[in-house]
Amino acid sequence: MGRFTNPRDLYLGEGARHEVKNLKGSRAVIVSGGSSMRRGGFLQEIQADLESAGFEVRLFEGVESDPSVETVMRGAAFMAEFSPDWIVAIGGGSPIDAAKAMWIKYEYPETTFEDMCKVFGLPELRTKAHFCAISSTSGTATEVTAFSIITDYERGVKYPIADFQITPDIAIVDPELTYSMPAKLCAHTGMDALTHCLEAYVSTAASMFTDANALHGIREITKWLPISYTGDELARQHMHEAQCIAGIAFSSGLLGIVHSMAHKTGAVFEGGHIIHGAANAMYLGKAIQWNSRDSRARERYAFVAKEVLHLGGTTDEQLVDSLVQMIRDLNDKLDIPQGVNDYANGGIKASDSGEAVMVPEKEFLEKLPSIAANAVLDACTPENPRKTEAEDFERILTCCYHDEPVDF
C-alpha cells in the first residue's frame, strides 16, 4: 500500500506570505534563520500580519545553517515557556527543519533526539500547535515534506527525521522571498531540487502520483535553473514552484543514495561542511551510473532523457549517458565542482578560487569506512532502486571524490 500526503493548504504567488493574517489562534512563535528575512522586511511583515489577526507573537531567531540538536532543544524549551498554538517557520531549509524538530519536542517533552530519528515512528502531533512553513530558498521544499535534517555535531553526522506527522499544515510559496537569494545559494538549492525529482522518480516507493510531480519538476528545473542563477525574477518564480512540486514528489515517493551520501559526508570533515546541494550535484551522476544497472531504473532514466529532456541517444544506455552528461553540464554552468577533491570552502572550484581543497584525500580515506557504514543506515537508502551495501558506498564515494565514472 502507498501513501500520498501533502499540506492541508498551499498558497503560492507574489504576496502569498500575507495569508498568515487569516490564521486562527492566540499565540504564535516565528522561527527564522540568519538576518536575511529581517533585512528584507519579510520577518517584520509576518509578525505584523499575525498581530493584526490577534496573535501574541514571539520570535526565535538565529537558527544556524545545518541546525544542531542543541538549537532544536533550545527552541523547544522556548516554545514550552510560551505555549504557542501556531508555529510559523520562515526562511530556508534550516529554520524550517529546525522548527519541525522543535515542534516534536514541544508536543512531547519526554521525546529524545534518538526517538525523533526512528523512521516513521513519531506519535500524533497537533495536540498543542499547528505548523505553517514559508520558504525563502528554492530547493529543500521542506515546506511540503515529511522530512527534517538535523546535525549531531558531536558525531559529525546529519540525521533525517522522517514522518508524515511533520508535514506542515500550511505551506506558503512566495517567490518574492527568493529575488535577493545569492547566486551560489540558487545553484546549490536548485541542484538539490533536481536530485529530489530524479531520486523520487526511480525510488521503489514511486507511484503515479509522485511521478507526475517528479517529471514536471525535472522539465522546469533544467530549463529555468541556469536562468535563475543569473538573478532573473521570472526564472526565480518558476524555480520556487518547481522545487515545491519536487518536494511533493519525494515526500511521498522518498529518495535514494545521493541523499544518503550527502547526509553522511556533509558535516564529517574537519575543514568544514560540504554544502548539501553541492554534495547532491557532485554525487547525482555517479548514483545514476550505479543505479542504471537495475533494469527498471535504467528504463526510467532513459525515459527522462528521451521524453522529458529530449537528449541524444538511441539505446537506454546511451540515453543514461546523455542524462549524466547533462548533469555535468549543469554543474559547470552553475560553477559547482564535479568531484569532492576539487571542493573548496564555499562550494566553488578550488582551481578557480585559489583556496585550499577542503577535503584532503588522507582524511577522506580514513573516514570512508564509517561514512559508508552510516550511509547504509540512512533513512534514504532503503528505497534506492539498487541495493547498496557498505562496500558499495565506499567504491561509489571514491569515484565521487576523484570524479571517476561508476562502471561496476
Protein backbone atom coordinates (compact mmCIF):
# COMPACT_ATOMS: atom_id res chain seq x y z
CA MET A 1 0.00 0.00 0.00
CA GLY A 2 1.24 3.50 -0.85
CA ARG A 3 0.56 6.86 0.73
CA PHE A 4 0.49 10.40 -0.67
CA THR A 5 0.49 13.22 1.90
CA ASN A 6 0.63 16.98 1.36
CA PRO A 7 -0.03 20.09 3.47
CA ARG A 8 -3.70 20.91 4.07
CA ASP A 9 -3.30 24.17 2.13
CA LEU A 10 -0.63 25.57 -0.16
CA TYR A 11 -0.59 29.26 -1.10
CA LEU A 12 1.59 30.43 -3.98
CA GLY A 13 2.48 33.55 -5.89
CA GLU A 14 3.76 37.00 -5.07
CA GLY A 15 2.31 38.24 -1.79
CA ALA A 16 1.16 34.78 -0.66
CA ARG A 17 3.04 35.32 2.62
CA HIS A 18 0.28 37.65 3.81
CA GLU A 19 -2.08 34.69 4.04
CA VAL A 20 -0.85 34.24 7.62
CA LYS A 21 -3.24 37.04 8.64
CA ASN A 22 -6.06 34.51 8.15
CA LEU A 23 -4.72 32.01 10.69
CA LYS A 24 -6.88 31.43 13.76
CA GLY A 25 -5.30 31.25 17.19
CA SER A 26 -3.93 33.22 20.11
CA ARG A 27 -0.16 32.71 20.35
CA ALA A 28 2.39 32.17 17.58
CA VAL A 29 6.14 31.55 17.56
CA ILE A 30 8.04 32.60 14.45
CA VAL A 31 11.22 30.61 13.84
CA SER A 32 13.78 32.13 11.46
CA GLY A 33 17.40 31.74 10.46
CA GLY A 34 20.02 34.42 9.96
CA SER A 35 19.30 38.03 9.19
CA SER A 36 18.18 37.82 5.55
CA MET A 37 14.44 37.65 6.33
CA ARG A 38 14.76 40.58 8.72
CA ARG A 39 16.89 42.60 6.27
CA GLY A 40 14.30 42.04 3.56
CA GLY A 41 11.47 43.10 5.88
CA PHE A 42 9.69 39.76 5.50
CA LEU A 43 10.04 38.76 9.14
CA GLN A 44 8.52 42.04 10.28
CA GLU A 45 5.66 41.66 7.78
CA ILE A 46 4.80 38.18 9.04
CA GLN A 47 4.88 39.38 12.64
CA ALA A 48 2.64 42.37 11.83
CA ASP A 49 0.18 40.19 9.91
CA LEU A 50 -0.09 37.74 12.79
CA GLU A 51 -0.54 40.51 15.32
CA SER A 52 -3.26 42.06 13.14
CA ALA A 53 -5.01 38.67 13.33
CA GLY A 54 -4.99 38.88 17.13
CA PHE A 55 -1.93 36.74 17.88
CA GLU A 56 0.59 37.38 20.60
CA VAL A 57 3.86 36.75 18.78
CA ARG A 58 7.35 35.77 19.92
CA LEU A 59 10.42 35.32 17.73
CA PHE A 60 13.04 32.60 17.83
CA GLU A 61 15.76 33.90 15.51
CA GLY A 62 19.26 32.86 14.54
CA VAL A 63 18.85 29.21 13.57
CA GLU A 64 22.19 28.28 12.02
CA SER A 65 22.80 26.58 8.70
CA ASP A 66 22.67 22.82 9.23
CA PRO A 67 20.77 23.22 12.53
CA SER A 68 22.08 21.36 15.55
CA VAL A 69 20.42 19.13 18.10
CA GLU A 70 21.22 21.81 20.70
CA THR A 71 19.36 24.50 18.73
CA VAL A 72 16.34 22.20 18.46
CA MET A 73 16.27 21.65 22.21
CA ARG A 74 16.63 25.39 22.94
CA GLY A 75 13.79 26.20 20.57
CA ALA A 76 11.53 23.56 22.10
CA ALA A 77 12.19 24.96 25.57
CA PHE A 78 11.39 28.45 24.24
CA MET A 79 8.06 27.13 22.93
CA ALA A 80 7.28 25.30 26.16
CA GLU A 81 7.55 28.59 28.09
CA PHE A 82 5.19 30.39 25.70
CA SER A 83 2.72 27.61 24.70
CA PRO A 84 2.03 28.67 21.08
CA ASP A 85 -0.86 27.20 19.13
CA TRP A 86 0.86 28.07 15.82
CA ILE A 87 4.49 27.60 14.84
CA VAL A 88 5.40 29.69 11.79
CA ALA A 89 8.80 28.94 10.27
CA ILE A 90 10.23 31.32 7.67
CA GLY A 91 13.44 31.05 5.68
CA GLY A 92 15.43 28.32 4.01
CA GLY A 93 15.57 24.65 4.84
CA SER A 94 17.49 25.13 8.08
CA PRO A 95 14.97 27.15 10.14
CA ILE A 96 12.02 25.18 8.81
CA ASP A 97 13.71 21.84 9.51
CA ALA A 98 14.72 23.01 12.97
CA ALA A 99 11.20 24.22 13.70
CA LYS A 100 9.77 20.83 12.73
CA ALA A 101 12.04 19.09 15.24
CA MET A 102 11.25 21.73 17.89
CA TRP A 103 7.58 21.03 17.26
CA ILE A 104 8.03 17.35 18.09
CA LYS A 105 9.89 18.10 21.33
CA TYR A 106 7.39 20.82 22.29
CA GLU A 107 4.42 18.47 21.89
CA TYR A 108 6.19 15.54 23.57
CA PRO A 109 8.79 16.92 26.04
CA GLU A 110 9.98 13.45 27.01
CA THR A 111 10.99 12.66 23.42
CA THR A 112 14.73 12.29 22.84
CA PHE A 113 16.53 13.11 19.62
CA GLU A 114 17.09 9.39 19.12
CA ASP A 115 13.31 8.89 19.36
CA MET A 116 12.78 11.53 16.66
CA CYS A 117 15.10 9.67 14.29
CA LYS A 118 13.05 6.46 14.29
CA VAL A 119 11.78 6.44 10.71
CA PHE A 120 8.01 6.99 10.56
CA GLY A 121 7.79 6.34 14.28
CA LEU A 122 6.51 9.63 15.71
CA PRO A 123 3.37 9.97 17.83
CA GLU A 124 0.48 12.08 16.58
CA LEU A 125 1.26 15.80 16.54
CA ARG A 126 -1.10 18.84 16.61
CA THR A 127 -2.14 18.24 20.20
CA LYS A 128 -0.67 21.67 21.06
CA ALA A 129 0.15 23.51 17.83
CA HIS A 130 -0.22 23.62 14.07
CA PHE A 131 2.60 24.42 11.67
CA CYS A 132 2.98 26.92 8.82
CA ALA A 133 6.14 26.98 6.66
CA ILE A 134 7.20 29.89 4.44
CA SER A 135 10.14 29.06 2.21
CA SER A 136 12.77 31.56 1.08
CA THR A 137 15.02 29.26 -0.97
CA SER A 138 14.22 27.12 -3.98
CA GLY A 139 15.46 23.65 -3.22
CA THR A 140 14.75 21.83 0.03
CA ALA A 141 10.93 22.04 -0.30
CA THR A 142 10.74 21.31 3.40
CA GLU A 143 7.59 23.45 3.44
CA VAL A 144 5.72 20.48 1.93
CA THR A 145 7.69 17.44 3.08
CA ALA A 146 7.65 14.84 5.80
CA PHE A 147 11.37 15.32 6.44
CA SER A 148 13.73 17.37 8.60
CA ILE A 149 17.54 17.25 8.62
CA ILE A 150 19.28 17.90 11.93
CA THR A 151 23.03 17.72 12.58
CA ASP A 152 24.65 15.99 15.55
CA TYR A 153 27.93 17.87 15.66
CA GLU A 154 29.45 15.58 18.28
CA ARG A 155 29.20 12.70 15.82
CA GLY A 156 29.65 14.81 12.69
CA VAL A 157 26.51 13.27 11.16
CA LYS A 158 23.34 14.73 9.67
CA TYR A 159 20.25 12.76 10.64
CA PRO A 160 16.99 12.82 8.66
CA ILE A 161 13.78 12.84 10.69
CA ALA A 162 11.14 11.18 8.52
CA ASP A 163 7.45 11.03 9.38
CA PHE A 164 4.24 12.24 7.75
CA GLN A 165 3.34 13.83 11.11
CA ILE A 166 5.80 16.70 10.45
CA THR A 167 4.31 17.59 7.06
CA PRO A 168 3.29 21.25 7.58
CA ASP A 169 -0.38 22.14 7.80
CA ILE A 170 0.12 25.19 5.58
CA ALA A 171 2.84 25.84 3.00
CA ILE A 172 3.45 29.31 1.57
CA VAL A 173 5.46 29.52 -1.64
CA ASP A 174 6.01 33.23 -2.27
CA PRO A 175 8.71 33.91 -4.90
CA GLU A 176 9.34 37.45 -3.66
CA LEU A 177 11.36 35.94 -0.82
CA THR A 178 13.81 34.47 -3.36
CA TYR A 179 14.55 37.52 -5.52
CA SER A 180 17.56 38.55 -3.44
CA MET A 181 18.86 35.00 -2.98
CA PRO A 182 22.63 34.81 -3.73
CA ALA A 183 23.56 33.05 -6.96
CA LYS A 184 25.56 30.35 -5.18
CA LEU A 185 22.60 29.50 -2.94
CA CYS A 186 20.35 29.47 -6.01
CA ALA A 187 22.69 26.95 -7.68
CA HIS A 188 23.01 24.61 -4.72
CA THR A 189 19.34 24.59 -3.77
CA GLY A 190 18.35 24.14 -7.41
CA MET A 191 20.51 21.05 -7.81
CA ASP A 192 19.05 19.73 -4.57
CA ALA A 193 15.60 20.08 -6.15
CA LEU A 194 16.67 18.29 -9.34
CA THR A 195 18.07 15.47 -7.22
CA HIS A 196 14.75 15.22 -5.38
CA CYS A 197 12.94 14.72 -8.68
CA LEU A 198 15.31 12.14 -10.13
CA GLU A 199 15.59 10.13 -6.93
CA ALA A 200 11.83 10.15 -6.35
CA TYR A 201 11.19 9.00 -9.93
CA VAL A 202 13.37 5.88 -9.64
CA SER A 203 12.59 5.17 -5.97
CA THR A 204 10.96 1.84 -5.17
CA ALA A 205 8.22 3.86 -3.42
CA ALA A 206 7.36 5.87 -6.55
CA SER A 207 3.78 5.98 -7.75
CA MET A 208 1.74 7.65 -10.48
CA PHE A 209 1.05 10.48 -8.02
CA THR A 210 4.72 11.14 -7.31
CA ASP A 211 5.84 10.53 -10.91
CA ALA A 212 3.67 13.34 -12.25
CA ASN A 213 5.32 15.87 -9.95
CA ALA A 214 8.83 14.48 -10.43
CA LEU A 215 8.70 14.57 -14.23
CA HIS A 216 7.29 18.07 -14.45
CA GLY A 217 9.81 19.23 -11.87
CA ILE A 218 12.68 17.86 -13.96
CA ARG A 219 11.43 19.71 -17.03
CA GLU A 220 11.01 23.01 -15.17
CA ILE A 221 14.26 22.87 -13.20
CA THR A 222 16.54 22.01 -16.09
CA LYS A 223 15.02 24.84 -18.11
CA TRP A 224 14.86 27.58 -15.51
CA LEU A 225 17.72 26.91 -13.05
CA PRO A 226 20.55 28.30 -15.23
CA ILE A 227 18.46 31.43 -15.89
CA SER A 228 17.54 31.76 -12.21
CA TYR A 229 21.27 31.64 -11.43
CA THR A 230 21.62 34.99 -13.24
CA GLY A 231 19.00 36.58 -10.93
CA ASP A 232 16.11 36.69 -13.41
CA GLU A 233 12.89 37.11 -11.41
CA LEU A 234 10.62 35.18 -13.79
CA ALA A 235 13.02 32.25 -13.61
CA ARG A 236 13.04 32.50 -9.82
CA GLN A 237 9.26 32.28 -9.80
CA HIS A 238 9.39 29.11 -11.91
CA MET A 239 12.11 27.61 -9.74
CA HIS A 240 10.30 28.34 -6.48
CA GLU A 241 7.24 26.44 -7.65
CA ALA A 242 9.26 23.69 -9.36
CA GLN A 243 11.25 22.94 -6.22
CA CYS A 244 7.97 22.71 -4.31
CA ILE A 245 6.50 20.10 -6.62
CA ALA A 246 9.83 18.27 -6.38
CA GLY A 247 9.23 18.20 -2.64
CA ILE A 248 5.72 16.85 -3.13
CA ALA A 249 7.25 14.09 -5.27
CA PHE A 250 9.90 12.97 -2.81
CA SER A 251 7.95 13.47 0.40
CA SER A 252 5.71 10.56 -0.59
CA GLY A 253 7.97 8.91 -3.20
CA LEU A 254 11.08 9.07 -0.99
CA LEU A 255 14.73 9.37 -2.01
CA GLY A 256 17.86 7.31 -2.53
CA ILE A 257 21.60 7.05 -2.04
CA VAL A 258 22.51 10.51 -3.35
CA HIS A 259 20.92 11.93 -0.22
CA SER A 260 22.30 9.13 1.96
CA MET A 261 25.83 10.07 0.89
CA ALA A 262 25.17 13.81 1.17
CA HIS A 263 23.81 13.41 4.70
CA LYS A 264 26.80 11.37 5.87
CA THR A 265 29.53 13.48 4.25
CA GLY A 266 28.04 16.91 4.93
CA ALA A 267 29.44 17.54 8.41
CA VAL A 268 32.11 14.90 8.90
CA PHE A 269 35.26 16.62 7.57
CA GLU A 270 37.43 18.88 9.68
CA GLY A 271 37.75 21.58 7.01
CA GLY A 272 34.04 22.42 7.22
CA HIS A 273 30.79 21.38 5.64
CA ILE A 274 30.13 20.14 2.16
CA ILE A 275 27.06 22.20 1.30
CA HIS A 276 24.13 19.83 0.87
CA GLY A 277 23.07 20.91 -2.61
CA ALA A 278 26.65 20.87 -3.86
CA ALA A 279 27.09 17.36 -2.50
CA ASN A 280 23.96 16.23 -4.32
CA ALA A 281 25.19 17.85 -7.52
CA MET A 282 28.56 16.05 -7.29
CA TYR A 283 27.06 12.67 -6.38
CA LEU A 284 23.98 12.60 -8.62
CA GLY A 285 25.61 11.49 -11.87
CA LYS A 286 27.60 8.79 -10.09
CA ALA A 287 24.47 7.42 -8.41
CA ILE A 288 22.66 7.33 -11.76
CA GLN A 289 25.52 5.27 -13.19
CA TRP A 290 25.32 2.88 -10.22
CA ASN A 291 21.53 2.58 -10.26
CA SER A 292 21.28 2.13 -14.03
CA ARG A 293 22.44 -1.48 -13.66
CA ASP A 294 18.90 -2.03 -12.35
CA SER A 295 16.66 -2.52 -15.39
CA ARG A 296 13.68 -0.54 -14.05
CA ALA A 297 15.84 2.40 -13.01
CA ARG A 298 17.67 2.35 -16.36
CA GLU A 299 14.37 2.47 -18.27
CA ARG A 300 13.16 5.36 -16.14
CA TYR A 301 16.36 7.35 -16.53
CA ALA A 302 16.18 6.74 -20.28
CA PHE A 303 12.56 7.96 -20.35
CA VAL A 304 13.61 11.19 -18.64
CA ALA A 305 16.44 11.68 -21.10
CA LYS A 306 14.36 10.97 -24.21
CA GLU A 307 10.81 12.07 -23.47
CA VAL A 308 11.29 14.85 -20.93
CA LEU A 309 14.64 16.42 -21.82
CA HIS A 310 14.95 15.33 -25.49
CA LEU A 311 18.58 14.34 -25.13
CA GLY A 312 20.51 12.30 -27.65
CA GLY A 313 20.82 8.51 -27.76
CA THR A 314 19.10 5.53 -29.31
CA THR A 315 19.63 2.87 -26.63
CA ASP A 316 18.78 3.10 -22.94
CA GLU A 317 22.48 3.02 -22.13
CA GLN A 318 23.22 5.94 -24.45
CA LEU A 319 20.31 7.91 -23.03
CA VAL A 320 21.56 7.35 -19.48
CA ASP A 321 24.99 8.60 -20.57
CA SER A 322 23.33 11.70 -22.02
CA LEU A 323 21.48 12.31 -18.77
CA VAL A 324 24.69 12.09 -16.76
CA GLN A 325 26.41 14.48 -19.17
CA MET A 326 23.51 16.94 -18.89
CA ILE A 327 24.00 16.98 -15.10
CA ARG A 328 27.73 17.59 -15.55
CA ASP A 329 26.97 20.45 -17.94
CA LEU A 330 24.58 21.97 -15.40
CA ASN A 331 27.23 21.79 -12.70
CA ASP A 332 29.65 23.62 -14.98
CA LYS A 333 27.10 26.34 -15.75
CA LEU A 334 26.43 26.77 -12.03
CA ASP A 335 30.11 26.74 -11.01
CA ILE A 336 29.73 23.59 -8.92
CA PRO A 337 32.73 21.21 -8.89
CA GLN A 338 32.37 17.71 -10.30
CA GLY A 339 34.34 15.91 -7.57
CA VAL A 340 34.96 16.20 -3.84
CA ASN A 341 38.72 16.54 -4.40
CA ASP A 342 38.01 19.83 -6.18
CA TYR A 343 35.68 21.10 -3.50
CA ALA A 344 36.85 24.18 -1.60
CA ASN A 345 35.32 26.34 1.10
CA GLY A 346 32.04 27.78 -0.11
CA GLY A 347 31.47 25.02 -2.64
CA ILE A 348 33.36 26.60 -5.52
CA LYS A 349 36.03 25.14 -7.74
CA ALA A 350 39.38 25.15 -5.99
CA SER A 351 41.14 25.73 -9.30
CA ASP A 352 39.12 28.90 -9.82
CA SER A 353 39.36 30.26 -6.28
CA GLY A 354 42.93 29.52 -5.32
CA GLU A 355 41.65 28.27 -1.95
CA ALA A 356 42.91 25.12 -0.28
CA VAL A 357 40.94 21.96 -1.04
CA MET A 358 38.61 21.35 1.89
CA VAL A 359 38.68 17.54 1.97
CA PRO A 360 42.22 16.09 1.88
CA GLU A 361 42.43 12.58 0.44
CA LYS A 362 44.07 11.23 3.60
CA GLU A 363 41.18 12.37 5.77
CA PHE A 364 38.67 11.15 3.20
CA LEU A 365 40.16 7.65 3.13
CA GLU A 366 40.42 7.48 6.94
CA LYS A 367 36.75 8.34 7.37
CA LEU A 368 35.39 6.47 4.35
CA PRO A 369 34.54 3.18 6.14
CA SER A 370 32.49 4.91 8.85
CA ILE A 371 30.80 7.19 6.29
CA ALA A 372 29.82 4.15 4.23
CA ALA A 373 28.52 2.27 7.28
CA ASN A 374 26.42 5.26 8.30
CA ALA A 375 25.09 5.69 4.75
CA VAL A 376 23.71 2.14 4.81
CA LEU A 377 21.66 3.11 7.87
CA ASP A 378 20.41 6.41 6.44
CA ALA A 379 16.64 6.75 6.07
CA CYS A 380 17.01 7.39 2.33
CA THR A 381 18.85 4.15 1.50
CA PRO A 382 16.06 1.52 1.65
CA GLU A 383 14.07 2.86 -1.33
CA ASN A 384 17.08 3.23 -3.62
CA PRO A 385 16.42 1.14 -6.75
CA ARG A 386 19.67 -0.83 -6.47
CA LYS A 387 20.64 -2.44 -3.16
CA THR A 388 23.72 -0.67 -1.84
CA GLU A 389 25.94 -2.15 0.88
CA ALA A 390 28.76 -0.50 2.82
CA GLU A 391 31.44 -1.72 0.42
CA ASP A 392 29.40 -0.36 -2.49
CA PHE A 393 29.15 3.05 -0.81
CA GLU A 394 32.92 3.04 -0.33
CA ARG A 395 33.51 2.42 -4.03
CA ILE A 396 30.89 4.95 -5.18
CA LEU A 397 32.17 7.64 -2.84
CA THR A 398 35.71 7.03 -4.02
CA CYS A 399 34.50 7.72 -7.56
CA CYS A 400 32.73 10.85 -6.26
CA TYR A 401 35.96 12.01 -4.64
CA HIS A 402 38.12 11.59 -7.75
CA ASP A 403 35.33 12.34 -10.27
CA GLU A 404 35.63 8.95 -11.89
CA PRO A 405 32.79 7.04 -13.62
CA VAL A 406 30.93 4.35 -11.71
CA ASP A 407 31.10 1.34 -14.04
CA PHE A 408 30.55 -1.57 -11.67
